[in-house]
Amino acid sequence: MNQKTNTIASKLLNLYRQQHVIFGGWAAVNRVFVAEAAPDVMDELRTLPTGKLLARHIENLRAGRTPMDSIERDLLPYGGMMADTVATIPLTPDEWAELETGIDEFTPDQAGLTRLQSLRVVKKFGDEWLVGIRAALTGKPALLDKWAVVTKTWRAYYLWKVANDLLDAPLSDRSRAQLQADMPEYETYLPMFGDAGNELLGKLRTFVSSIKEAPADRPVVAPTDA
């Protein structure tokens, strides 16, 4: 098996499964699918769990059967269960007011995320609050644009934590391959943290290029602002 082909296929599968928390949604990830799914990658996808669904989706995109900002319902990851469960949660007028105020006052940093997640209306969506609220905001383009900033900020801090945890653990070929597949996301989000983010990104790149070296130095302390 070609390692590069497997790495690309794994990256595309990760994007497919995590679309609900990726800035830009289907419009963003579909462009990556079409650009990077070479014939050997498509063959590899068909051998991986849920990969056949993604391969069919890519075929639909290339044939023009599916617009570049969407996906057929029967090809949604997890059977579309995530969208189904959260989109049906009703909000009262008071909850709408609380949500709109919280979004308007959001600041793109850890404090802003903490304040937003402490709102009762956000807690109502449980662990799926990011995708649930985005579904609830369908038809409200101005709020959706602001919610995209929330999603991007959350993703940045999530990847910061994952990267630190990864570098703090023993090296393994599996973790190195996973990191290599996810590197485009790290390269997108970690620079939001300025010099600290770029330093951490450099350590990740060293991690990817290493084979069996000593564990990397403990990364820098997380910054307070995104």
Protein backbone atom coordinates (compact mmCIF):
# COMPACT_ATOMS: atom_id res chain seq x y z
CA MET A 1 0.00 0.00 0.00
CA ASN A 2 1.28 3.45 -0.93
CA GLN A 3 1.70 5.45 2.31
CA LYS A 4 1.07 8.79 0.59
CA THR A 5 -2.17 7.51 -0.93
CA ASN A 6 -3.34 6.19 2.43
CA THR A 7 -2.47 9.48 4.13
CA ILE A 8 -4.47 11.52 1.61
CA ALA A 9 -7.42 9.13 1.84
CA SER A 10 -7.35 9.34 5.64
CA LYS A 11 -7.25 13.14 5.50
CA LEU A 12 -10.26 13.26 3.19
CA LEU A 13 -12.18 10.92 5.47
CA ASN A 14 -11.37 13.12 8.45
CA LEU A 15 -12.69 16.17 6.59
CA TYR A 16 -15.83 14.23 5.63
CA ARG A 17 -16.52 13.16 9.22
CA GLN A 18 -15.69 16.55 10.76
CA GLN A 19 -17.40 18.80 8.20
CA HIS A 20 -19.83 20.05 10.84
CA VAL A 21 -17.03 21.86 12.70
CA ILE A 22 -14.92 22.98 9.73
CA PHE A 23 -15.02 26.64 8.75
CA GLY A 24 -16.78 26.90 5.39
CA GLY A 25 -18.73 23.64 5.63
CA TRP A 26 -19.36 21.56 2.52
CA ALA A 27 -18.38 24.39 0.19
CA ALA A 28 -14.88 24.26 1.67
CA VAL A 29 -14.32 20.51 2.02
CA ASN A 30 -15.87 19.60 -1.34
CA ARG A 31 -13.19 21.62 -3.13
CA VAL A 32 -10.53 19.61 -1.30
CA PHE A 33 -12.25 16.32 -2.17
CA VAL A 34 -12.34 17.10 -5.89
CA ALA A 35 -8.79 18.42 -5.98
CA GLU A 36 -7.07 15.64 -4.05
CA ALA A 37 -9.02 12.45 -4.77
CA ALA A 38 -6.82 11.00 -7.52
CA PRO A 39 -7.77 7.55 -8.89
CA ASP A 40 -5.49 5.72 -6.44
CA VAL A 41 -6.95 7.73 -3.55
CA MET A 42 -10.48 6.83 -4.67
CA ASP A 43 -9.48 3.15 -4.71
CA GLU A 44 -8.06 3.48 -1.20
CA LEU A 45 -11.19 5.25 0.06
CA ARG A 46 -13.35 2.33 -1.06
CA THR A 47 -11.40 0.03 1.26
CA LEU A 48 -11.83 2.22 4.37
CA PRO A 49 -14.80 2.38 6.78
CA THR A 50 -17.40 4.85 5.38
CA GLY A 51 -14.98 5.52 2.54
CA LYS A 52 -17.37 4.11 -0.07
CA LEU A 53 -19.89 6.82 0.81
CA LEU A 54 -17.28 9.52 0.42
CA ALA A 55 -16.12 8.05 -2.89
CA ARG A 56 -19.70 8.15 -4.20
CA HIS A 57 -20.03 11.74 -3.03
CA ILE A 58 -16.86 12.73 -4.86
CA GLU A 59 -18.11 11.01 -8.02
CA ASN A 60 -21.35 12.99 -7.75
CA LEU A 61 -19.44 16.24 -7.36
CA ARG A 62 -17.30 15.58 -10.41
CA ALA A 63 -20.29 14.56 -12.49
CA GLY A 64 -22.18 17.70 -11.51
CA ARG A 65 -24.98 15.73 -9.86
CA THR A 66 -24.26 17.41 -6.52
CA PRO A 67 -23.59 21.17 -6.17
CA MET A 68 -20.23 22.11 -4.71
CA ASP A 69 -21.81 23.47 -1.53
CA SER A 70 -23.89 20.42 -0.62
CA ILE A 71 -24.13 16.62 -0.34
CA GLU A 72 -26.87 14.08 -1.03
CA ARG A 73 -28.76 13.26 2.13
CA ASP A 74 -28.14 9.51 1.90
CA LEU A 75 -24.38 10.14 1.72
CA LEU A 76 -24.16 12.29 4.86
CA PRO A 77 -21.62 11.09 7.44
CA TYR A 78 -23.14 9.19 10.37
CA GLY A 79 -26.29 8.72 8.28
CA GLY A 80 -27.16 12.36 8.83
CA MET A 81 -28.02 11.56 12.44
CA MET A 82 -26.16 14.57 13.85
CA ALA A 83 -28.11 17.07 11.79
CA ASP A 84 -31.40 15.26 12.43
CA THR A 85 -31.05 15.24 16.19
CA VAL A 86 -30.08 18.86 16.67
CA ALA A 87 -32.13 20.65 14.03
CA THR A 88 -35.41 19.71 15.72
CA ILE A 89 -34.68 21.52 19.01
CA PRO A 90 -37.17 24.43 19.30
CA LEU A 91 -36.22 27.78 20.84
CA THR A 92 -38.48 30.15 22.72
CA PRO A 93 -38.46 33.91 21.98
CA ASP A 94 -36.42 34.46 25.15
CA GLU A 95 -33.90 31.82 24.07
CA TRP A 96 -33.62 33.42 20.64
CA ALA A 97 -32.94 36.77 22.26
CA GLU A 98 -30.28 35.24 24.52
CA LEU A 99 -28.65 33.47 21.58
CA GLU A 100 -28.58 36.52 19.32
CA THR A 101 -27.13 38.69 22.08
CA GLY A 102 -24.50 36.06 22.86
CA ILE A 103 -23.46 35.82 19.22
CA ASP A 104 -23.35 39.60 18.79
CA GLU A 105 -21.15 39.98 21.90
CA PHE A 106 -18.83 37.06 21.08
CA THR A 107 -15.10 37.73 21.11
CA PRO A 108 -12.78 35.29 19.24
CA ASP A 109 -10.80 34.08 22.24
CA GLN A 110 -11.04 31.52 25.04
CA ALA A 111 -12.97 33.94 27.26
CA GLY A 112 -15.49 34.48 24.47
CA LEU A 113 -15.98 30.74 24.04
CA THR A 114 -16.42 30.27 27.78
CA ARG A 115 -19.04 33.01 27.99
CA LEU A 116 -20.96 31.67 25.02
CA GLN A 117 -20.93 28.07 26.25
CA SER A 118 -22.23 29.21 29.63
CA LEU A 119 -25.47 30.52 28.10
CA ARG A 120 -28.53 28.43 28.95
CA VAL A 121 -29.64 28.36 25.33
CA VAL A 122 -26.28 26.96 24.25
CA LYS A 123 -26.29 24.32 26.99
CA LYS A 124 -29.68 23.21 25.68
CA PHE A 125 -27.90 21.70 22.65
CA GLY A 126 -25.48 19.64 24.77
CA ASP A 127 -22.25 18.38 23.22
CA GLU A 128 -23.54 19.10 19.71
CA TRP A 129 -24.00 22.82 20.34
CA LEU A 130 -21.80 23.93 17.43
CA VAL A 131 -23.66 22.05 14.72
CA GLY A 132 -27.01 22.32 16.52
CA ILE A 133 -27.01 26.09 16.69
CA ARG A 134 -25.77 26.36 13.14
CA ALA A 135 -28.76 24.27 12.07
CA ALA A 136 -31.08 26.46 14.15
CA LEU A 137 -29.71 29.57 12.41
CA THR A 138 -30.65 28.32 8.94
CA GLY A 139 -32.42 31.16 7.19
CA LYS A 140 -30.57 33.82 9.21
CA PRO A 141 -27.52 34.57 7.02
CA ALA A 142 -26.21 37.46 9.13
CA LEU A 143 -26.14 35.32 12.26
CA LEU A 144 -24.70 32.37 10.32
CA ASP A 145 -21.76 34.53 9.25
CA LYS A 146 -21.11 35.47 12.87
CA TRP A 147 -21.52 31.85 13.96
CA ALA A 148 -18.80 30.86 11.50
CA VAL A 149 -16.40 32.97 13.58
CA VAL A 150 -17.48 31.04 16.69
CA THR A 151 -16.87 27.74 14.90
CA LYS A 152 -13.46 28.83 13.65
CA THR A 153 -12.42 30.01 17.12
CA TRP A 154 -13.57 26.77 18.77
CA ARG A 155 -11.75 24.70 16.17
CA ALA A 156 -8.54 26.67 16.69
CA TYR A 157 -8.53 26.08 20.46
CA TYR A 158 -9.50 22.43 20.00
CA LEU A 159 -6.58 21.85 17.63
CA TRP A 160 -4.26 23.71 20.00
CA LYS A 161 -5.15 21.24 22.77
CA VAL A 162 -4.92 18.20 20.49
CA ALA A 163 -1.50 19.30 19.22
CA ASN A 164 -0.17 19.81 22.74
CA ASP A 165 -1.51 16.44 23.89
CA LEU A 166 -0.01 14.76 20.84
CA LEU A 167 3.45 16.22 21.39
CA ASP A 168 3.31 15.37 25.08
CA ALA A 169 2.72 11.66 24.34
CA PRO A 170 5.19 9.02 23.12
CA LEU A 171 5.80 9.10 19.39
CA SER A 172 4.25 6.38 17.26
CA ASP A 173 3.98 5.71 13.54
CA ARG A 174 0.18 5.84 13.82
CA SER A 175 0.09 9.24 15.51
CA ARG A 176 2.65 10.58 13.05
CA ALA A 177 0.53 9.40 10.10
CA GLN A 178 -2.62 10.89 11.65
CA LEU A 179 -0.87 14.20 12.22
CA GLN A 180 0.35 14.24 8.65
CA ALA A 181 -3.23 13.75 7.42
CA ASP A 182 -4.51 16.55 9.65
CA MET A 183 -1.64 18.97 8.96
CA PRO A 184 -3.63 21.24 6.59
CA GLU A 185 -6.02 22.07 9.43
CA TYR A 186 -3.16 22.80 11.83
CA GLU A 187 -1.58 25.04 9.21
CA THR A 188 -4.88 26.91 8.87
CA TYR A 189 -5.73 27.41 12.53
CA LEU A 190 -2.54 27.49 14.61
CA PRO A 191 -1.22 30.74 13.05
CA MET A 192 -4.23 32.42 14.71
CA PHE A 193 -2.19 32.21 17.94
CA GLY A 194 0.64 34.33 16.57
CA ASP A 195 4.24 33.43 17.47
CA ALA A 196 3.13 30.75 19.93
CA GLY A 197 1.02 29.08 17.26
CA ASN A 198 3.80 29.20 14.69
CA GLU A 199 6.22 27.70 17.21
CA LEU A 200 3.81 24.85 17.91
CA LEU A 201 3.27 24.35 14.18
CA GLY A 202 7.02 24.04 13.72
CA LYS A 203 7.14 21.29 16.33
CA LEU A 204 4.32 19.45 14.58
CA ARG A 205 6.19 19.59 11.29
CA THR A 206 9.28 18.20 13.01
CA PHE A 207 7.10 15.46 14.48
CA VAL A 208 5.78 14.54 11.03
CA SER A 209 9.24 14.39 9.47
CA SER A 210 10.72 12.32 12.30
CA ILE A 211 10.65 8.53 12.22
CA LYS A 212 11.69 7.21 15.59
CA GLU A 213 13.32 9.97 17.52
CA ALA A 214 13.05 11.06 21.12
CA PRO A 215 9.78 12.74 22.17
CA ALA A 216 9.48 16.40 21.20
CA ASP A 217 9.94 19.12 23.79
CA ARG A 218 6.86 20.08 25.73
CA PRO A 219 5.08 22.79 23.67
CA VAL A 220 4.49 26.34 24.75
CA VAL A 221 1.72 27.31 27.15
CA ALA A 222 -1.55 28.13 25.39
CA PRO A 223 -2.03 31.85 24.75
CA THR A 224 -4.95 33.71 26.24
CA ASP A 225 -6.22 35.20 22.98
CA ALA A 226 -6.92 33.71 19.54
